[in-house]
Amino acid sequence: MACMTEQTPNLPGLYDLVVLESTDSSRAHAERLARDGADEGTLVWAKSQYEGIGRNGRYWMSGHSNLHCSIILRPEENFEICCQLSLLATVCAAIAISRQAEPLKEIRYRWPNDVLLNQGKVAGITLSGKLSGFQVD
């Protein structure tokens, strides 16, 4: 399997791929693009990031050997349904990893957002967003 940094993925036309050699964080970059009106389906792929944003706002650095990407979604569902996207994305990431990882001894979840492969963390999913049209009485 080729390293993700060696090739540009072939994505369906509904995605607008933004490739960055380096950025503070793919998530922060996607948030800035979303704030500026980027379309749903904008996918930010950073080959390296120096201030990745993890769960609970923790920062971390990572180099070229990892996959860092963030996608802009503009769901029309209510807040409670949207909160489930993190769980769904975690399961989908595990399925994708299981189809590529060999030898596959064990794939597990550390809820709510981590995928473990052969006892090591291989993926983490975080959600961020802004509610629009949401009113609290």
N, C-alpha and C. Protein backbone atom coordinates (compact mmCIF):
# COMPACT_ATOMS: atom_id res chain seq x y z
N MET A 1 0.85 -1.18 0.00
CA MET A 1 0.00 0.00 0.00
C MET A 1 0.89 1.24 0.00
N ALA A 2 0.60 2.18 -0.86
CA ALA A 2 1.39 3.42 -0.97
C ALA A 2 1.08 4.34 0.20
N CYS A 3 2.06 5.08 0.61
CA CYS A 3 1.89 6.08 1.66
C CYS A 3 0.97 7.18 1.12
N MET A 4 0.07 7.68 1.96
CA MET A 4 -0.87 8.71 1.53
C MET A 4 -0.18 9.97 1.06
N THR A 5 1.03 10.21 1.49
CA THR A 5 1.70 11.45 1.08
C THR A 5 2.28 11.34 -0.33
N GLU A 6 2.27 10.15 -0.92
CA GLU A 6 2.86 9.96 -2.24
C GLU A 6 1.87 10.13 -3.38
N GLN A 7 0.59 10.10 -3.08
CA GLN A 7 -0.39 10.17 -4.15
C GLN A 7 -1.60 10.98 -3.71
N THR A 8 -2.26 11.60 -4.67
CA THR A 8 -3.48 12.32 -4.39
C THR A 8 -4.64 11.35 -4.56
N PRO A 9 -5.53 11.28 -3.57
CA PRO A 9 -6.64 10.33 -3.66
C PRO A 9 -7.58 10.68 -4.81
N ASN A 10 -8.17 9.67 -5.39
CA ASN A 10 -9.17 9.82 -6.43
C ASN A 10 -10.53 9.82 -5.76
N LEU A 11 -11.11 11.00 -5.62
CA LEU A 11 -12.36 11.16 -4.89
C LEU A 11 -13.53 11.40 -5.83
N PRO A 12 -14.74 10.99 -5.41
CA PRO A 12 -15.93 11.33 -6.20
C PRO A 12 -16.08 12.84 -6.33
N GLY A 13 -16.78 13.27 -7.36
CA GLY A 13 -16.91 14.69 -7.68
C GLY A 13 -17.60 15.53 -6.63
N LEU A 14 -18.28 14.92 -5.67
CA LEU A 14 -18.97 15.72 -4.67
C LEU A 14 -18.02 16.31 -3.63
N TYR A 15 -16.74 15.93 -3.68
CA TYR A 15 -15.74 16.47 -2.77
C TYR A 15 -14.88 17.50 -3.46
N ASP A 16 -14.51 18.53 -2.72
CA ASP A 16 -13.56 19.53 -3.18
C ASP A 16 -12.31 19.36 -2.32
N LEU A 17 -11.27 18.76 -2.88
CA LEU A 17 -10.07 18.43 -2.13
C LEU A 17 -9.14 19.63 -2.02
N VAL A 18 -8.74 19.94 -0.80
CA VAL A 18 -7.76 20.98 -0.51
C VAL A 18 -6.55 20.26 0.08
N VAL A 19 -5.42 20.28 -0.63
CA VAL A 19 -4.20 19.59 -0.18
C VAL A 19 -3.23 20.63 0.37
N LEU A 20 -2.76 20.39 1.58
CA LEU A 20 -1.81 21.29 2.24
C LEU A 20 -0.57 20.50 2.61
N GLU A 21 0.59 21.03 2.31
CA GLU A 21 1.83 20.38 2.72
C GLU A 21 1.95 20.40 4.24
N SER A 22 1.61 21.54 4.85
CA SER A 22 1.69 21.67 6.30
C SER A 22 0.69 22.73 6.73
N THR A 23 0.11 22.53 7.90
CA THR A 23 -0.80 23.51 8.46
C THR A 23 -0.82 23.35 9.97
N ASP A 24 -1.43 24.30 10.64
CA ASP A 24 -1.55 24.16 12.08
C ASP A 24 -2.37 22.91 12.39
N SER A 25 -3.53 22.77 11.75
CA SER A 25 -4.42 21.64 11.99
C SER A 25 -5.39 21.54 10.83
N SER A 26 -5.62 20.35 10.33
CA SER A 26 -6.61 20.20 9.25
C SER A 26 -7.98 20.65 9.74
N ARG A 27 -8.29 20.34 10.99
CA ARG A 27 -9.58 20.74 11.56
C ARG A 27 -9.69 22.27 11.63
N ALA A 28 -8.67 22.94 12.14
CA ALA A 28 -8.71 24.40 12.24
C ALA A 28 -8.80 25.03 10.86
N HIS A 29 -8.07 24.46 9.89
CA HIS A 29 -8.12 24.98 8.52
C HIS A 29 -9.52 24.81 7.94
N ALA A 30 -10.13 23.65 8.14
CA ALA A 30 -11.50 23.40 7.65
C ALA A 30 -12.49 24.34 8.33
N GLU A 31 -12.31 24.59 9.61
CA GLU A 31 -13.20 25.52 10.31
C GLU A 31 -13.11 26.92 9.73
N ARG A 32 -11.89 27.35 9.39
CA ARG A 32 -11.72 28.68 8.77
C ARG A 32 -12.41 28.72 7.40
N LEU A 33 -12.22 27.66 6.61
CA LEU A 33 -12.87 27.61 5.30
C LEU A 33 -14.39 27.61 5.43
N ALA A 34 -14.91 26.85 6.40
CA ALA A 34 -16.36 26.79 6.61
C ALA A 34 -16.90 28.16 7.01
N ARG A 35 -16.18 28.83 7.88
CA ARG A 35 -16.57 30.17 8.31
C ARG A 35 -16.61 31.13 7.13
N ASP A 36 -15.72 30.91 6.14
CA ASP A 36 -15.67 31.77 4.96
C ASP A 36 -16.63 31.31 3.87
N GLY A 37 -17.45 30.28 4.15
CA GLY A 37 -18.49 29.87 3.22
C GLY A 37 -18.16 28.68 2.32
N ALA A 38 -17.12 27.92 2.62
CA ALA A 38 -16.78 26.75 1.80
C ALA A 38 -17.96 25.79 1.76
N ASP A 39 -18.08 25.11 0.64
CA ASP A 39 -19.19 24.19 0.44
C ASP A 39 -19.06 22.92 1.27
N GLU A 40 -20.19 22.31 1.54
CA GLU A 40 -20.21 20.99 2.14
C GLU A 40 -19.45 20.05 1.21
N GLY A 41 -18.67 19.16 1.78
CA GLY A 41 -17.88 18.25 0.96
C GLY A 41 -16.46 18.74 0.74
N THR A 42 -16.13 19.93 1.24
CA THR A 42 -14.75 20.38 1.17
C THR A 42 -13.94 19.51 2.12
N LEU A 43 -12.92 18.85 1.57
CA LEU A 43 -12.09 17.92 2.32
C LEU A 43 -10.68 18.48 2.41
N VAL A 44 -10.23 18.75 3.62
CA VAL A 44 -8.90 19.30 3.85
C VAL A 44 -7.98 18.14 4.22
N TRP A 45 -6.93 17.97 3.41
CA TRP A 45 -5.93 16.93 3.65
C TRP A 45 -4.61 17.63 3.90
N ALA A 46 -4.10 17.51 5.12
CA ALA A 46 -2.82 18.10 5.49
C ALA A 46 -1.79 16.99 5.56
N LYS A 47 -0.70 17.15 4.82
CA LYS A 47 0.35 16.13 4.84
C LYS A 47 1.11 16.14 6.16
N SER A 48 1.14 17.27 6.84
CA SER A 48 1.64 17.33 8.21
C SER A 48 0.94 18.48 8.91
N GLN A 49 0.85 18.36 10.21
CA GLN A 49 0.25 19.43 11.00
C GLN A 49 1.04 19.58 12.29
N TYR A 50 1.14 20.81 12.74
CA TYR A 50 1.97 21.08 13.90
C TYR A 50 1.18 21.47 15.13
N GLU A 51 -0.15 21.60 15.03
CA GLU A 51 -1.02 21.85 16.18
C GLU A 51 -2.32 21.11 15.99
N GLY A 52 -2.23 19.79 15.79
CA GLY A 52 -3.44 19.00 15.66
C GLY A 52 -4.33 19.20 16.87
N ILE A 53 -5.63 19.18 16.66
CA ILE A 53 -6.57 19.40 17.77
C ILE A 53 -7.26 18.08 18.05
N GLY A 54 -7.04 17.56 19.24
CA GLY A 54 -7.65 16.30 19.64
C GLY A 54 -8.83 16.54 20.56
N ARG A 55 -9.24 15.48 21.20
CA ARG A 55 -10.35 15.53 22.12
C ARG A 55 -10.02 16.45 23.29
N ASN A 56 -11.04 17.14 23.77
CA ASN A 56 -10.89 18.09 24.89
C ASN A 56 -9.90 19.20 24.58
N GLY A 57 -9.73 19.53 23.30
CA GLY A 57 -8.87 20.64 22.91
C GLY A 57 -7.39 20.40 23.05
N ARG A 58 -6.98 19.14 23.24
CA ARG A 58 -5.55 18.84 23.38
C ARG A 58 -4.86 18.97 22.03
N TYR A 59 -3.67 19.54 22.03
CA TYR A 59 -2.89 19.72 20.81
C TYR A 59 -1.82 18.65 20.70
N TRP A 60 -1.46 18.31 19.47
CA TRP A 60 -0.40 17.34 19.22
C TRP A 60 0.21 17.61 17.87
N MET A 61 1.47 17.19 17.71
CA MET A 61 2.19 17.33 16.45
C MET A 61 2.23 15.99 15.74
N SER A 62 2.29 16.02 14.44
CA SER A 62 2.43 14.78 13.69
C SER A 62 3.09 15.06 12.36
N GLY A 63 3.79 14.06 11.88
CA GLY A 63 4.56 14.23 10.65
C GLY A 63 3.87 13.67 9.43
N HIS A 64 4.67 13.40 8.43
CA HIS A 64 4.16 12.98 7.12
C HIS A 64 3.66 11.54 7.06
N SER A 65 3.87 10.74 8.06
CA SER A 65 3.47 9.33 7.96
C SER A 65 2.03 9.07 8.38
N ASN A 66 1.32 10.10 8.85
CA ASN A 66 -0.05 9.92 9.29
C ASN A 66 -1.02 10.59 8.33
N LEU A 67 -2.28 10.19 8.42
CA LEU A 67 -3.34 10.80 7.62
C LEU A 67 -4.06 11.83 8.48
N HIS A 68 -4.08 13.08 8.01
CA HIS A 68 -4.77 14.15 8.72
C HIS A 68 -5.77 14.75 7.76
N CYS A 69 -7.04 14.58 8.03
CA CYS A 69 -8.02 15.18 7.13
C CYS A 69 -9.26 15.60 7.91
N SER A 70 -9.94 16.57 7.36
CA SER A 70 -11.16 17.10 7.94
C SER A 70 -12.12 17.41 6.81
N ILE A 71 -13.38 17.17 7.04
CA ILE A 71 -14.39 17.42 6.01
C ILE A 71 -15.45 18.37 6.55
N ILE A 72 -15.89 19.25 5.69
CA ILE A 72 -16.96 20.18 6.05
C ILE A 72 -18.29 19.54 5.72
N LEU A 73 -19.13 19.42 6.74
CA LEU A 73 -20.49 18.92 6.57
C LEU A 73 -21.44 20.02 7.02
N ARG A 74 -22.56 20.08 6.38
CA ARG A 74 -23.59 21.04 6.76
C ARG A 74 -24.91 20.29 6.89
N PRO A 75 -25.00 19.43 7.92
CA PRO A 75 -26.20 18.60 8.08
C PRO A 75 -27.43 19.43 8.42
N GLU A 76 -28.57 18.93 7.99
CA GLU A 76 -29.83 19.61 8.27
C GLU A 76 -30.60 18.92 9.39
N GLU A 77 -29.96 17.99 10.05
CA GLU A 77 -30.58 17.26 11.15
C GLU A 77 -30.49 18.07 12.44
N ASN A 78 -31.24 17.62 13.45
CA ASN A 78 -31.18 18.31 14.73
C ASN A 78 -29.89 17.98 15.46
N PHE A 79 -29.62 18.73 16.50
CA PHE A 79 -28.36 18.64 17.25
C PHE A 79 -28.13 17.22 17.78
N GLU A 80 -29.15 16.59 18.33
CA GLU A 80 -28.99 15.26 18.92
C GLU A 80 -28.56 14.24 17.86
N ILE A 81 -29.09 14.33 16.68
CA ILE A 81 -28.71 13.42 15.59
C ILE A 81 -27.28 13.71 15.14
N CYS A 82 -26.93 14.98 15.00
CA CYS A 82 -25.58 15.35 14.55
C CYS A 82 -24.51 14.88 15.52
N CYS A 83 -24.82 14.83 16.80
CA CYS A 83 -23.84 14.37 17.79
C CYS A 83 -23.46 12.91 17.57
N GLN A 84 -24.30 12.15 16.91
CA GLN A 84 -24.01 10.75 16.64
C GLN A 84 -23.01 10.56 15.50
N LEU A 85 -22.72 11.62 14.75
CA LEU A 85 -21.78 11.51 13.63
C LEU A 85 -20.40 11.03 14.06
N SER A 86 -19.97 11.41 15.25
CA SER A 86 -18.67 10.98 15.74
C SER A 86 -18.62 9.47 15.89
N LEU A 87 -19.68 8.88 16.44
CA LEU A 87 -19.74 7.43 16.61
C LEU A 87 -19.76 6.73 15.25
N LEU A 88 -20.57 7.26 14.33
CA LEU A 88 -20.66 6.69 13.00
C LEU A 88 -19.32 6.77 12.27
N ALA A 89 -18.66 7.91 12.37
CA ALA A 89 -17.36 8.08 11.70
C ALA A 89 -16.31 7.14 12.30
N THR A 90 -16.36 6.90 13.59
CA THR A 90 -15.42 5.99 14.23
C THR A 90 -15.61 4.57 13.71
N VAL A 91 -16.86 4.13 13.60
CA VAL A 91 -17.13 2.79 13.08
C VAL A 91 -16.71 2.70 11.61
N CYS A 92 -17.01 3.71 10.82
CA CYS A 92 -16.62 3.71 9.40
C CYS A 92 -15.10 3.68 9.24
N ALA A 93 -14.39 4.44 10.07
CA ALA A 93 -12.93 4.42 10.02
C ALA A 93 -12.40 3.03 10.34
N ALA A 94 -12.97 2.38 11.34
CA ALA A 94 -12.54 1.02 11.70
C ALA A 94 -12.77 0.04 10.57
N ILE A 95 -13.89 0.16 9.90
CA ILE A 95 -14.18 -0.73 8.76
C ILE A 95 -13.17 -0.50 7.65
N ALA A 96 -12.89 0.76 7.32
CA ALA A 96 -11.91 1.07 6.27
C ALA A 96 -10.53 0.55 6.64
N ILE A 97 -10.14 0.75 7.88
CA ILE A 97 -8.82 0.29 8.34
C ILE A 97 -8.75 -1.23 8.28
N SER A 98 -9.81 -1.91 8.68
CA SER A 98 -9.80 -3.37 8.70
C SER A 98 -9.64 -3.95 7.30
N ARG A 99 -10.04 -3.21 6.30
CA ARG A 99 -9.91 -3.70 4.92
C ARG A 99 -8.50 -3.50 4.37
N GLN A 100 -7.69 -2.66 5.03
CA GLN A 100 -6.34 -2.37 4.56
C GLN A 100 -5.25 -2.96 5.44
N ALA A 101 -5.55 -3.17 6.71
CA ALA A 101 -4.54 -3.57 7.69
C ALA A 101 -4.28 -5.07 7.65
N GLU A 102 -3.02 -5.43 7.54
CA GLU A 102 -2.65 -6.84 7.60
C GLU A 102 -1.35 -6.95 8.36
N PRO A 103 -1.14 -7.89 9.20
CA PRO A 103 -2.15 -8.84 9.62
C PRO A 103 -3.09 -8.20 10.64
N LEU A 104 -4.34 -8.50 10.52
CA LEU A 104 -5.36 -7.95 11.40
C LEU A 104 -5.60 -8.93 12.53
N LYS A 105 -5.04 -8.63 13.68
CA LYS A 105 -5.25 -9.48 14.84
C LYS A 105 -6.48 -9.03 15.61
N GLU A 106 -6.58 -7.72 15.79
CA GLU A 106 -7.67 -7.22 16.62
C GLU A 106 -7.95 -5.76 16.29
N ILE A 107 -9.22 -5.45 16.11
CA ILE A 107 -9.63 -4.06 15.96
C ILE A 107 -10.69 -3.80 17.04
N ARG A 108 -10.49 -2.74 17.78
CA ARG A 108 -11.38 -2.42 18.88
C ARG A 108 -11.67 -0.93 18.87
N TYR A 109 -12.62 -0.53 19.69
CA TYR A 109 -12.98 0.88 19.85
C TYR A 109 -12.68 1.32 21.27
N ARG A 110 -12.23 2.55 21.39
CA ARG A 110 -12.15 3.19 22.70
C ARG A 110 -13.11 4.38 22.56
N TRP A 111 -14.33 4.15 22.98
CA TRP A 111 -15.39 5.13 22.78
C TRP A 111 -15.10 6.42 23.54
N PRO A 112 -15.45 7.55 22.99
CA PRO A 112 -16.35 7.70 21.85
C PRO A 112 -15.67 7.86 20.50
N ASN A 113 -14.32 7.92 20.43
CA ASN A 113 -13.76 8.37 19.16
C ASN A 113 -12.49 7.70 18.68
N ASP A 114 -11.99 6.68 19.34
CA ASP A 114 -10.72 6.10 18.94
C ASP A 114 -10.89 4.70 18.36
N VAL A 115 -10.04 4.38 17.39
CA VAL A 115 -9.95 3.03 16.82
C VAL A 115 -8.59 2.47 17.20
N LEU A 116 -8.58 1.25 17.74
CA LEU A 116 -7.35 0.58 18.14
C LEU A 116 -7.13 -0.62 17.23
N LEU A 117 -5.92 -0.76 16.74
CA LEU A 117 -5.54 -1.88 15.88
C LEU A 117 -4.39 -2.61 16.54
N ASN A 118 -4.58 -3.91 16.79
CA ASN A 118 -3.54 -4.71 17.44
C ASN A 118 -3.03 -4.01 18.70
N GLN A 119 -3.94 -3.47 19.48
CA GLN A 119 -3.71 -2.84 20.79
C GLN A 119 -3.10 -1.44 20.72
N GLY A 120 -2.94 -0.86 19.55
CA GLY A 120 -2.42 0.50 19.44
C GLY A 120 -3.42 1.43 18.78
N LYS A 121 -3.43 2.68 19.19
CA LYS A 121 -4.35 3.65 18.58
C LYS A 121 -3.95 3.89 17.14
N VAL A 122 -4.91 3.73 16.24
CA VAL A 122 -4.64 3.93 14.82
C VAL A 122 -5.48 5.07 14.24
N ALA A 123 -6.53 5.49 14.95
CA ALA A 123 -7.37 6.58 14.45
C ALA A 123 -8.10 7.25 15.60
N GLY A 124 -8.32 8.54 15.43
CA GLY A 124 -9.12 9.32 16.37
C GLY A 124 -10.03 10.25 15.59
N ILE A 125 -11.27 10.32 15.98
CA ILE A 125 -12.27 11.14 15.29
C ILE A 125 -12.72 12.23 16.25
N THR A 126 -12.73 13.48 15.80
CA THR A 126 -13.29 14.56 16.61
C THR A 126 -14.25 15.37 15.77
N LEU A 127 -15.27 15.88 16.39
CA LEU A 127 -16.23 16.76 15.73
C LEU A 127 -16.10 18.15 16.30
N SER A 128 -16.33 19.11 15.47
CA SER A 128 -16.44 20.49 15.94
C SER A 128 -17.47 21.15 15.05
N GLY A 129 -18.02 22.22 15.52
CA GLY A 129 -19.00 22.87 14.66
C GLY A 129 -19.63 24.07 15.31
N LYS A 130 -20.51 24.65 14.53
CA LYS A 130 -21.25 25.82 14.97
C LYS A 130 -22.71 25.55 14.67
N LEU A 131 -23.53 25.82 15.63
CA LEU A 131 -24.96 25.66 15.43
C LEU A 131 -25.52 26.94 14.82
N SER A 132 -26.33 26.78 13.79
CA SER A 132 -27.00 27.94 13.22
C SER A 132 -28.50 27.73 13.36
N GLY A 133 -29.19 28.77 13.66
CA GLY A 133 -30.64 28.69 13.82
C GLY A 133 -31.05 27.99 15.12
N PHE A 134 -30.11 27.82 16.03
CA PHE A 134 -30.40 27.14 17.29
C PHE A 134 -30.70 28.19 18.33
N GLN A 135 -31.83 28.01 19.01
CA GLN A 135 -32.24 29.00 19.99
C GLN A 135 -32.50 28.31 21.31
N VAL A 136 -31.95 28.85 22.37
CA VAL A 136 -32.17 28.32 23.71
C VAL A 136 -33.06 29.31 24.45
N ASP A 137 -34.16 28.82 25.02
CA ASP A 137 -35.07 29.70 25.77
C ASP A 137 -34.61 29.89 27.19
